Amino acid sequence: MSIETSDAEYWRVALTDDGDSFAAVFDRHQHRVFRHSLALVPTFDDAKDVVAVAFLEAWRKRSSVRFVDGSLLPWLLVTATHAAQNISRSARRHRALLDRIPPSPDMPDPADSFDDGPAMAALRSLSQNHQNIVTLCIIEGLPVAEAARVLRVPPGTVKSRLHFAKKALATQLEHHRPPSTLTEAIEWTHR
């Protein structure tokens, strides 16, 4: 039967600049603090920020944090609650400020003219199977064998789809390719 090391014991070692001990406390409580925070703030990203603030504050106040029965979790949850209140209050103030700014009648909203660009348009024109292959192998950098396992197809299928997808993308993007020589540059500007 093994006795689990308490947060207080890890913390005592962490105070000697042992990052592994701090990481052990973080790993032990990050998910619980995140779930707690998620219920208190408007967005998923805000909850991640709350977790970061709680652990940053724990380290910043490392010599004065309080443990309950050897656990840092109660202190972290209270700190997360305060951080969540601050983030929510800041978000409300930001929204209120934006609501007070009158829209400019002369200027169009940049979001209305947002364009993903030719690369995204070319990618979207591919079949879903080819999009998956490009995403996994080119964008995410997975090896062919790993992509094959993820997609549950033979590696040869991944290779052939990748070849076809690259060829289709090259064809669609050829006229968007920047010039590589002075002659091409002159021709490109006269299109």
C-alpha atoms as a PDB file:
ATOM      1  CA  MET A   1       0.000   0.000   0.000  1.00  0.00           C
ATOM      2  CA  SER A   2       1.531   3.294  -1.085  1.00  0.00           C
ATOM      3  CA  ILE A   3       0.911   6.546   0.733  1.00  0.00           C
ATOM      4  CA  GLU A   4       0.218   9.445  -1.602  1.00  0.00           C
ATOM      5  CA  THR A   5       2.463  12.475  -1.245  1.00  0.00           C
ATOM      6  CA  SER A   6       0.504  15.515  -0.031  1.00  0.00           C
ATOM      7  CA  ASP A   7       0.467  18.860  -1.823  1.00  0.00           C
ATOM      8  CA  ALA A   8       2.157  20.404   1.211  1.00  0.00           C
ATOM      9  CA  GLU A   9       5.081  17.977   0.861  1.00  0.00           C
ATOM     10  CA  TYR A  10       5.394  18.680  -2.866  1.00  0.00           C
ATOM     11  CA  TRP A  11       5.161  22.393  -2.143  1.00  0.00           C
ATOM     12  CA  ARG A  12       7.927  22.260   0.453  1.00  0.00           C
ATOM     13  CA  VAL A  13      10.200  20.715  -2.205  1.00  0.00           C
ATOM     14  CA  ALA A  14       8.944  23.140  -4.889  1.00  0.00           C
ATOM     15  CA  LEU A  15      10.070  26.056  -2.717  1.00  0.00           C
ATOM     16  CA  THR A  16      13.633  24.875  -3.328  1.00  0.00           C
ATOM     17  CA  ASP A  17      13.064  25.657  -7.043  1.00  0.00           C
ATOM     18  CA  ASP A  18      12.131  22.079  -7.923  1.00  0.00           C
ATOM     19  CA  GLY A  19       9.881  22.487 -10.981  1.00  0.00           C
ATOM     20  CA  ASP A  20       8.862  18.822 -10.951  1.00  0.00           C
ATOM     21  CA  SER A  21       7.212  19.206  -7.551  1.00  0.00           C
ATOM     22  CA  PHE A  22       5.255  22.247  -8.698  1.00  0.00           C
ATOM     23  CA  ALA A  23       4.289  20.317 -11.843  1.00  0.00           C
ATOM     24  CA  ALA A  24       3.026  17.449  -9.684  1.00  0.00           C
ATOM     25  CA  VAL A  25       0.664  19.808  -7.838  1.00  0.00           C
ATOM     26  CA  PHE A  26      -0.407  21.375 -11.143  1.00  0.00           C
ATOM     27  CA  ASP A  27      -1.074  17.986 -12.745  1.00  0.00           C
ATOM     28  CA  ARG A  28      -3.018  16.862  -9.696  1.00  0.00           C
ATOM     29  CA  HIS A  29      -5.421  19.830  -9.626  1.00  0.00           C
ATOM     30  CA  GLN A  30      -5.526  21.559 -13.025  1.00  0.00           C
ATOM     31  CA  HIS A  31      -8.581  19.657 -14.312  1.00  0.00           C
ATOM     32  CA  ARG A  32     -10.561  20.245 -11.138  1.00  0.00           C
ATOM     33  CA  VAL A  33      -9.724  23.976 -11.142  1.00  0.00           C
ATOM     34  CA  PHE A  34     -10.635  24.151 -14.843  1.00  0.00           C
ATOM     35  CA  ARG A  35     -14.062  22.516 -14.299  1.00  0.00           C
ATOM     36  CA  HIS A  36     -14.718  24.901 -11.417  1.00  0.00           C
ATOM     37  CA  SER A  37     -13.678  27.894 -13.549  1.00  0.00           C
ATOM     38  CA  LEU A  38     -15.709  26.833 -16.563  1.00  0.00           C
ATOM     39  CA  ALA A  39     -18.889  27.314 -14.563  1.00  0.00           C
ATOM     40  CA  LEU A  40     -17.878  30.852 -13.589  1.00  0.00           C
ATOM     41  CA  VAL A  41     -16.721  32.535 -16.797  1.00  0.00           C
ATOM     42  CA  PRO A  42     -18.305  33.155 -20.202  1.00  0.00           C
ATOM     43  CA  THR A  43     -15.931  31.184 -22.436  1.00  0.00           C
ATOM     44  CA  PHE A  44     -13.713  28.112 -22.537  1.00  0.00           C
ATOM     45  CA  ASP A  45     -10.653  30.295 -23.138  1.00  0.00           C
ATOM     46  CA  ASP A  46     -11.530  32.433 -20.115  1.00  0.00           C
ATOM     47  CA  ALA A  47     -11.592  29.257 -17.996  1.00  0.00           C
ATOM     48  CA  LYS A  48      -8.105  28.365 -19.227  1.00  0.00           C
ATOM     49  CA  ASP A  49      -6.985  31.872 -18.281  1.00  0.00           C
ATOM     50  CA  VAL A  50      -8.464  31.452 -14.802  1.00  0.00           C
ATOM     51  CA  VAL A  51      -6.484  28.231 -14.297  1.00  0.00           C
ATOM     52  CA  ALA A  52      -3.312  29.993 -15.388  1.00  0.00           C
ATOM     53  CA  VAL A  53      -3.974  32.907 -13.022  1.00  0.00           C
ATOM     54  CA  ALA A  54      -4.729  30.588 -10.092  1.00  0.00           C
ATOM     55  CA  PHE A  55      -1.476  28.675 -10.464  1.00  0.00           C
ATOM     56  CA  LEU A  56       0.500  31.846 -11.163  1.00  0.00           C
ATOM     57  CA  GLU A  57      -0.872  33.340  -7.955  1.00  0.00           C
ATOM     58  CA  ALA A  58      -0.027  30.127  -6.101  1.00  0.00           C
ATOM     59  CA  TRP A  59       3.565  30.459  -7.219  1.00  0.00           C
ATOM     60  CA  ARG A  60       3.680  34.200  -6.656  1.00  0.00           C
ATOM     61  CA  LYS A  61       2.386  33.735  -3.093  1.00  0.00           C
ATOM     62  CA  ARG A  62       4.173  30.419  -2.637  1.00  0.00           C
ATOM     63  CA  SER A  63       5.402  31.188   0.862  1.00  0.00           C
ATOM     64  CA  SER A  64       1.940  32.111   2.176  1.00  0.00           C
ATOM     65  CA  VAL A  65      -0.515  29.723   0.486  1.00  0.00           C
ATOM     66  CA  ARG A  66      -2.736  27.718   2.830  1.00  0.00           C
ATOM     67  CA  PHE A  67      -3.189  23.980   2.795  1.00  0.00           C
ATOM     68  CA  VAL A  68      -6.271  22.182   4.084  1.00  0.00           C
ATOM     69  CA  ASP A  69      -5.405  18.690   5.301  1.00  0.00           C
ATOM     70  CA  GLY A  70      -2.267  18.853   3.170  1.00  0.00           C
ATOM     71  CA  SER A  71      -4.150  19.869  -0.005  1.00  0.00           C
ATOM     72  CA  LEU A  72      -3.729  23.092  -1.978  1.00  0.00           C
ATOM     73  CA  LEU A  73      -7.005  22.534  -3.875  1.00  0.00           C
ATOM     74  CA  PRO A  74      -9.258  24.655  -1.604  1.00  0.00           C
ATOM     75  CA  TRP A  75      -6.875  27.607  -1.883  1.00  0.00           C
ATOM     76  CA  LEU A  76      -6.716  27.157  -5.666  1.00  0.00           C
ATOM     77  CA  LEU A  77     -10.520  27.042  -5.973  1.00  0.00           C
ATOM     78  CA  VAL A  78     -10.953  30.246  -3.950  1.00  0.00           C
ATOM     79  CA  THR A  79      -8.238  31.963  -5.992  1.00  0.00           C
ATOM     80  CA  ALA A  80      -9.860  30.715  -9.226  1.00  0.00           C
ATOM     81  CA  THR A  81     -13.202  32.121  -8.092  1.00  0.00           C
ATOM     82  CA  HIS A  82     -11.652  35.554  -7.534  1.00  0.00           C
ATOM     83  CA  ALA A  83      -9.840  35.404 -10.878  1.00  0.00           C
ATOM     84  CA  ALA A  84     -13.074  34.374 -12.629  1.00  0.00           C
ATOM     85  CA  GLN A  85     -14.905  37.321 -11.074  1.00  0.00           C
ATOM     86  CA  ASN A  86     -12.195  39.674 -12.311  1.00  0.00           C
ATOM     87  CA  ILE A  87     -12.241  38.216 -15.831  1.00  0.00           C
ATOM     88  CA  SER A  88     -16.056  38.311 -16.013  1.00  0.00           C
ATOM     89  CA  ARG A  89     -16.120  41.902 -14.741  1.00  0.00           C
ATOM     90  CA  SER A  90     -13.490  42.876 -17.314  1.00  0.00           C
ATOM     91  CA  ALA A  91     -15.483  41.205 -20.116  1.00  0.00           C
ATOM     92  CA  ARG A  92     -18.651  43.065 -19.064  1.00  0.00           C
ATOM     93  CA  ARG A  93     -16.802  46.387 -19.041  1.00  0.00           C
ATOM     94  CA  HIS A  94     -15.295  45.673 -22.437  1.00  0.00           C
ATOM     95  CA  ARG A  95     -18.714  44.819 -23.926  1.00  0.00           C
ATOM     96  CA  ALA A  96     -20.249  47.944 -22.367  1.00  0.00           C
ATOM     97  CA  LEU A  97     -17.478  50.083 -23.836  1.00  0.00           C
ATOM     98  CA  LEU A  98     -17.948  48.563 -27.285  1.00  0.00           C
ATOM     99  CA  ASP A  99     -21.708  49.145 -27.057  1.00  0.00           C
ATOM    100  CA  ARG A 100     -21.097  52.863 -26.369  1.00  0.00           C
ATOM    101  CA  ILE A 101     -18.953  53.335 -29.463  1.00  0.00           C
ATOM    102  CA  PRO A 102     -21.153  54.422 -32.355  1.00  0.00           C
ATOM    103  CA  PRO A 103     -20.604  52.563 -35.624  1.00  0.00           C
ATOM    104  CA  SER A 104     -19.015  54.618 -38.362  1.00  0.00           C
ATOM    105  CA  PRO A 105     -21.379  55.028 -41.323  1.00  0.00           C
ATOM    106  CA  ASP A 106     -18.473  55.586 -43.733  1.00  0.00           C
ATOM    107  CA  MET A 107     -16.416  52.534 -42.877  1.00  0.00           C
ATOM    108  CA  PRO A 108     -17.546  49.037 -43.809  1.00  0.00           C
ATOM    109  CA  ASP A 109     -17.095  46.322 -41.220  1.00  0.00           C
ATOM    110  CA  PRO A 110     -13.848  44.492 -42.054  1.00  0.00           C
ATOM    111  CA  ALA A 111     -15.461  41.205 -41.032  1.00  0.00           C
ATOM    112  CA  ASP A 112     -17.914  41.573 -43.923  1.00  0.00           C
ATOM    113  CA  SER A 113     -15.061  41.452 -46.420  1.00  0.00           C
ATOM    114  CA  PHE A 114     -13.028  38.730 -44.701  1.00  0.00           C
ATOM    115  CA  ASP A 115     -11.604  36.242 -47.139  1.00  0.00           C
ATOM    116  CA  ASP A 116      -9.748  33.088 -46.143  1.00  0.00           C
ATOM    117  CA  GLY A 117      -7.575  33.463 -49.185  1.00  0.00           C
ATOM    118  CA  PRO A 118      -6.811  31.241 -52.140  1.00  0.00           C
ATOM    119  CA  ALA A 119      -5.134  28.455 -50.119  1.00  0.00           C
ATOM    120  CA  MET A 120      -8.187  27.875 -47.919  1.00  0.00           C
ATOM    121  CA  ALA A 121     -10.503  28.102 -50.921  1.00  0.00           C
ATOM    122  CA  ALA A 122      -8.373  25.515 -52.737  1.00  0.00           C
ATOM    123  CA  LEU A 123      -8.360  23.247 -49.686  1.00  0.00           C
ATOM    124  CA  ARG A 124     -12.157  23.489 -49.353  1.00  0.00           C
ATOM    125  CA  SER A 125     -12.567  22.542 -53.012  1.00  0.00           C
ATOM    126  CA  LEU A 126     -11.030  19.113 -52.322  1.00  0.00           C
ATOM    127  CA  SER A 127     -13.134  16.134 -51.280  1.00  0.00           C
ATOM    128  CA  GLN A 128     -13.429  15.490 -47.546  1.00  0.00           C
ATOM    129  CA  ASN A 129     -11.043  12.510 -47.815  1.00  0.00           C
ATOM    130  CA  HIS A 130      -8.403  14.657 -49.486  1.00  0.00           C
ATOM    131  CA  GLN A 131      -8.934  17.507 -47.019  1.00  0.00           C
ATOM    132  CA  ASN A 132      -8.343  15.065 -44.157  1.00  0.00           C
ATOM    133  CA  ILE A 133      -5.111  13.821 -45.721  1.00  0.00           C
ATOM    134  CA  VAL A 134      -3.801  17.363 -46.339  1.00  0.00           C
ATOM    135  CA  THR A 135      -4.723  18.414 -42.807  1.00  0.00           C
ATOM    136  CA  LEU A 136      -3.079  15.421 -41.167  1.00  0.00           C
ATOM    137  CA  CYS A 137       0.027  15.024 -43.341  1.00  0.00           C
ATOM    138  CA  ILE A 138       0.825  18.564 -44.462  1.00  0.00           C
ATOM    139  CA  ILE A 139      -0.678  20.938 -41.914  1.00  0.00           C
ATOM    140  CA  GLU A 140      -0.247  18.775 -38.800  1.00  0.00           C
ATOM    141  CA  GLY A 141       2.881  16.996 -40.054  1.00  0.00           C
ATOM    142  CA  LEU A 142       1.840  13.428 -39.268  1.00  0.00           C
ATOM    143  CA  PRO A 143       3.792  10.663 -41.003  1.00  0.00           C
ATOM    144  CA  VAL A 144       1.896   8.661 -43.626  1.00  0.00           C
ATOM    145  CA  ALA A 145       1.751   5.557 -41.400  1.00  0.00           C
ATOM    146  CA  GLU A 146       0.231   7.516 -38.505  1.00  0.00           C
ATOM    147  CA  ALA A 147      -2.305   9.242 -40.761  1.00  0.00           C
ATOM    148  CA  ALA A 148      -3.264   5.823 -42.127  1.00  0.00           C
ATOM    149  CA  ARG A 149      -3.918   4.558 -38.590  1.00  0.00           C
ATOM    150  CA  VAL A 150      -5.987   7.619 -37.719  1.00  0.00           C
ATOM    151  CA  LEU A 151      -8.082   7.346 -40.881  1.00  0.00           C
ATOM    152  CA  ARG A 152      -8.186   3.529 -40.802  1.00  0.00           C
ATOM    153  CA  VAL A 153      -6.981   3.159 -44.368  1.00  0.00           C
ATOM    154  CA  PRO A 154      -3.866   1.502 -45.809  1.00  0.00           C
ATOM    155  CA  PRO A 155      -0.722   3.660 -46.057  1.00  0.00           C
ATOM    156  CA  GLY A 156      -0.825   3.303 -49.844  1.00  0.00           C
ATOM    157  CA  THR A 157      -4.247   4.964 -49.883  1.00  0.00           C
ATOM    158  CA  VAL A 158      -2.880   7.878 -47.863  1.00  0.00           C
ATOM    159  CA  LYS A 159       0.052   8.245 -50.276  1.00  0.00           C
ATOM    160  CA  SER A 160      -2.144   8.227 -53.372  1.00  0.00           C
ATOM    161  CA  ARG A 161      -4.687  10.656 -51.875  1.00  0.00           C
ATOM    162  CA  LEU A 162      -1.852  12.923 -50.758  1.00  0.00           C
ATOM    163  CA  HIS A 163      -0.341  12.874 -54.242  1.00  0.00           C
ATOM    164  CA  PHE A 164      -3.702  13.703 -55.839  1.00  0.00           C
ATOM    165  CA  ALA A 165      -4.448  16.435 -53.287  1.00  0.00           C
ATOM    166  CA  LYS A 166      -1.043  18.097 -53.773  1.00  0.00           C
ATOM    167  CA  LYS A 167      -1.476  18.027 -57.535  1.00  0.00           C
ATOM    168  CA  ALA A 168      -4.983  19.528 -57.308  1.00  0.00           C
ATOM    169  CA  LEU A 169      -3.819  22.240 -54.901  1.00  0.00           C
ATOM    170  CA  ALA A 170      -0.825  23.099 -57.090  1.00  0.00           C
ATOM    171  CA  THR A 171      -3.073  23.438 -60.127  1.00  0.00           C
ATOM    172  CA  GLN A 172      -5.541  25.683 -58.313  1.00  0.00           C
ATOM    173  CA  LEU A 173      -2.864  27.843 -56.717  1.00  0.00           C
ATOM    174  CA  GLU A 174      -0.517  28.184 -59.690  1.00  0.00           C
ATOM    175  CA  HIS A 175      -1.725  31.646 -60.653  1.00  0.00           C
ATOM    176  CA  HIS A 176      -1.343  32.767 -56.996  1.00  0.00           C
ATOM    177  CA  ARG A 177       2.289  31.675 -56.796  1.00  0.00           C
ATOM    178  CA  PRO A 178       4.612  34.645 -56.296  1.00  0.00           C
ATOM    179  CA  PRO A 179       7.153  35.185 -59.061  1.00  0.00           C
ATOM    180  CA  SER A 180      10.610  33.667 -58.668  1.00  0.00           C
ATOM    181  CA  THR A 181      12.395  35.552 -61.481  1.00  0.00           C
ATOM    182  CA  LEU A 182      12.357  39.125 -62.718  1.00  0.00           C
ATOM    183  CA  THR A 183      10.681  38.061 -65.976  1.00  0.00           C
ATOM    184  CA  GLU A 184       7.935  36.243 -64.047  1.00  0.00           C
ATOM    185  CA  ALA A 185       7.505  39.300 -61.816  1.00  0.00           C
ATOM    186  CA  ILE A 186       6.911  41.535 -64.806  1.00  0.00           C
ATOM    187  CA  GLU A 187       4.433  39.053 -66.323  1.00  0.00           C
ATOM    188  CA  TRP A 188       2.723  38.584 -62.957  1.00  0.00           C
ATOM    189  CA  THR A 189       2.111  42.312 -62.474  1.00  0.00           C
ATOM    190  CA  HIS A 190       0.473  42.545 -65.928  1.00  0.00           C
ATOM    191  CA  ARG A 191      -2.157  39.864 -65.235  1.00  0.00           C
END
